[in-house]
Every structure is written in structure tokens, then in C-alpha cells.
C-alpha atoms as a PDB file:
ATOM      1  CA  UNK A   1     -16.387 -12.755   5.305  1.00  0.00           C
ATOM      2  CA  UNK A   2     -12.920 -13.203   6.847  1.00  0.00           C
ATOM      3  CA  UNK A   3     -11.186 -10.226   8.405  1.00  0.00           C
ATOM      4  CA  UNK A   4      -7.767  -8.999   7.263  1.00  0.00           C
ATOM      5  CA  UNK A   5      -5.822 -11.134   9.728  1.00  0.00           C
ATOM      6  CA  UNK A   6      -7.701 -14.276   8.616  1.00  0.00           C
ATOM      7  CA  UNK A   7      -6.931 -13.498   4.980  1.00  0.00           C
ATOM      8  CA  UNK A   8      -3.253 -12.936   5.796  1.00  0.00           C
ATOM      9  CA  UNK A   9      -3.190 -16.271   7.624  1.00  0.00           C
ATOM     10  CA  UNK A  10      -4.660 -18.074   4.589  1.00  0.00           C
ATOM     11  CA  UNK A  11      -2.103 -16.419   2.316  1.00  0.00           C
ATOM     12  CA  UNK A  12       0.770 -17.362   4.647  1.00  0.00           C
ATOM     13  CA  UNK A  13      -0.386 -21.013   4.641  1.00  0.00           C
ATOM     14  CA  UNK A  14      -0.561 -21.046   0.836  1.00  0.00           C
ATOM     15  CA  UNK A  15      -4.327 -21.632   0.897  1.00  0.00           C
ATOM     16  CA  UNK A  16      -5.109 -18.315  -0.770  1.00  0.00           C
ATOM     17  CA  UNK A  17      -3.425 -16.173  -3.397  1.00  0.00           C
ATOM     18  CA  UNK A  18      -4.245 -12.519  -3.910  1.00  0.00           C
ATOM     19  CA  UNK A  19      -2.997  -9.291  -5.431  1.00  0.00           C
ATOM     20  CA  UNK A  20      -1.627  -6.835  -2.873  1.00  0.00           C
ATOM     21  CA  UNK A  21       0.278  -3.636  -3.301  1.00  0.00           C
ATOM     22  CA  UNK A  22       3.825  -4.370  -2.238  1.00  0.00           C
ATOM     23  CA  UNK A  23       3.529  -1.698   0.450  1.00  0.00           C
ATOM     24  CA  UNK A  24       0.649  -3.627   2.038  1.00  0.00           C
ATOM     25  CA  UNK A  25       2.595  -6.906   2.170  1.00  0.00           C
ATOM     26  CA  UNK A  26       6.187  -5.678   2.400  1.00  0.00           C
ATOM     27  CA  UNK A  27       6.741  -6.670   6.050  1.00  0.00           C
ATOM     28  CA  UNK A  28       5.234 -10.120   5.402  1.00  0.00           C
ATOM     29  CA  UNK A  29       7.530 -10.609   2.387  1.00  0.00           C
ATOM     30  CA  UNK A  30      10.613  -9.482   4.354  1.00  0.00           C
ATOM     31  CA  UNK A  31       9.753 -11.877   7.188  1.00  0.00           C
ATOM     32  CA  UNK A  32       9.258 -14.762   4.764  1.00  0.00           C
ATOM     33  CA  UNK A  33       5.537 -15.230   5.448  1.00  0.00           C
ATOM     34  CA  UNK A  34       4.547 -14.233   1.897  1.00  0.00           C
ATOM     35  CA  UNK A  35       6.177 -14.720  -1.459  1.00  0.00           C
ATOM     36  CA  UNK A  36       5.786 -11.908  -3.971  1.00  0.00           C
ATOM     37  CA  UNK A  37       5.866 -11.709  -7.732  1.00  0.00           C
ATOM     38  CA  UNK A  38       5.314  -8.718  -9.969  1.00  0.00           C
ATOM     39  CA  UNK A  39       2.313  -8.892 -12.289  1.00  0.00           C
ATOM     40  CA  UNK A  40       3.536  -7.944 -15.760  1.00  0.00           C
ATOM     41  CA  UNK A  41       0.744  -8.981 -18.107  1.00  0.00           C
ATOM     42  CA  UNK A  42      -1.528  -7.191 -17.889  1.00  0.00           C
ATOM     43  CA  UNK A  43       0.364  -4.217 -16.527  1.00  0.00           C
ATOM     44  CA  UNK A  44      -1.560  -3.137 -13.434  1.00  0.00           C
ATOM     45  CA  UNK A  45      -1.735   0.587 -12.776  1.00  0.00           C
ATOM     46  CA  UNK A  46      -2.995   2.269  -9.642  1.00  0.00           C
ATOM     47  CA  UNK A  47      -3.356   5.894  -8.792  1.00  0.00           C
ATOM     48  CA  UNK A  48      -3.425   7.346  -5.332  1.00  0.00           C
ATOM     49  CA  UNK A  49      -5.053  10.710  -4.832  1.00  0.00           C
ATOM     50  CA  UNK A  50      -4.961  12.938  -1.793  1.00  0.00           C
ATOM     51  CA  UNK A  51      -8.018  15.156  -1.950  1.00  0.00           C
ATOM     52  CA  UNK A  52      -9.618  17.843   0.158  1.00  0.00           C
ATOM     53  CA  UNK A  53     -12.996  19.530   0.062  1.00  0.00           C
ATOM     54  CA  UNK A  54     -13.160  22.392  -2.424  1.00  0.00           C
ATOM     55  CA  UNK A  55     -13.799  25.746  -0.825  1.00  0.00           C
ATOM     56  CA  UNK A  56     -13.051  24.537   2.698  1.00  0.00           C
ATOM     57  CA  UNK A  57      -9.928  25.866   4.402  1.00  0.00           C
ATOM     58  CA  UNK A  58      -7.609  23.191   5.736  1.00  0.00           C
ATOM     59  CA  UNK A  59      -6.825  23.144   9.427  1.00  0.00           C
ATOM     60  CA  UNK A  60      -3.237  23.128  10.585  1.00  0.00           C
ATOM     61  CA  UNK A  61      -3.650  19.442  11.488  1.00  0.00           C
ATOM     62  CA  UNK A  62      -4.984  18.579   8.006  1.00  0.00           C
ATOM     63  CA  UNK A  63      -2.120  20.427   6.292  1.00  0.00           C
ATOM     64  CA  UNK A  64       0.363  18.605   8.520  1.00  0.00           C
ATOM     65  CA  UNK A  65      -1.279  15.243   7.755  1.00  0.00           C
ATOM     66  CA  UNK A  66      -1.143  15.852   3.985  1.00  0.00           C
ATOM     67  CA  UNK A  67       2.513  16.930   4.143  1.00  0.00           C
ATOM     68  CA  UNK A  68       3.390  13.872   6.227  1.00  0.00           C
ATOM     69  CA  UNK A  69       1.535  11.529   3.852  1.00  0.00           C
ATOM     70  CA  UNK A  70       3.312  13.009   0.812  1.00  0.00           C
ATOM     71  CA  UNK A  71       6.703  12.740   2.533  1.00  0.00           C
ATOM     72  CA  UNK A  72       6.094   9.121   3.609  1.00  0.00           C
ATOM     73  CA  UNK A  73       4.908   8.070   0.156  1.00  0.00           C
ATOM     74  CA  UNK A  74       7.976   9.663  -1.435  1.00  0.00           C
ATOM     75  CA  UNK A  75      10.219   7.865   1.075  1.00  0.00           C
ATOM     76  CA  UNK A  76       8.559   4.485   0.451  1.00  0.00           C
ATOM     77  CA  UNK A  77       8.842   4.955  -3.308  1.00  0.00           C
ATOM     78  CA  UNK A  78      12.522   5.953  -2.995  1.00  0.00           C
ATOM     79  CA  UNK A  79      13.205   2.856  -0.849  1.00  0.00           C
ATOM     80  CA  UNK A  80      11.368   0.699  -3.416  1.00  0.00           C
ATOM     81  CA  UNK A  81       8.889  -0.417  -0.756  1.00  0.00           C
ATOM     82  CA  UNK A  82       6.065   1.204  -2.716  1.00  0.00           C
ATOM     83  CA  UNK A  83       6.778   0.891  -6.427  1.00  0.00           C
ATOM     84  CA  UNK A  84       5.674   4.003  -8.243  1.00  0.00           C
ATOM     85  CA  UNK A  85       4.566   2.439 -11.447  1.00  0.00           C
END
């Protein structure tokens, strides 16, 4: 099975088409390596969940990581680099 860089190379050459989240391919689209089109029918929905273990206290590092992830996702959504729905 090809690794991620091999798959990206096949996509860039037009040998392979796939469905990516825009966030995963945004740099490639901006640099002209990939072309992107929104899938409208069917409407594709994805949900991202940040979860932690129930009953386990979070370390300072884990709380910081969760806060950073939430902030980055909100920024990417606001900049339309990660469409929210």
C-alpha cells in the first residue's frame, strides 16, 4: 500500500482522485499541485470530537493541548481553510 507521499504524488500527476478534507490538502491547492471541488451531492458531513478518559484528571499539558487544538480549529474555520459544514 502506498504511503501518504506516494498518494499525494499520484494525485498531483492526475493519476488518482480522492476525497480529502480541505484542511488536509489546502497547501497543495494553494500551491497549484491539487485542484479542489466541493462535493455537493451527496452532502458529506464529518464530525470531529476531542475526547478524554472519563474519571481521569487531565494534566496541565493535556489541558493546554486541548485548548490549543480548539483555538486552531476555530482559526482554520474562520479563515475558511477548514470548512465547518
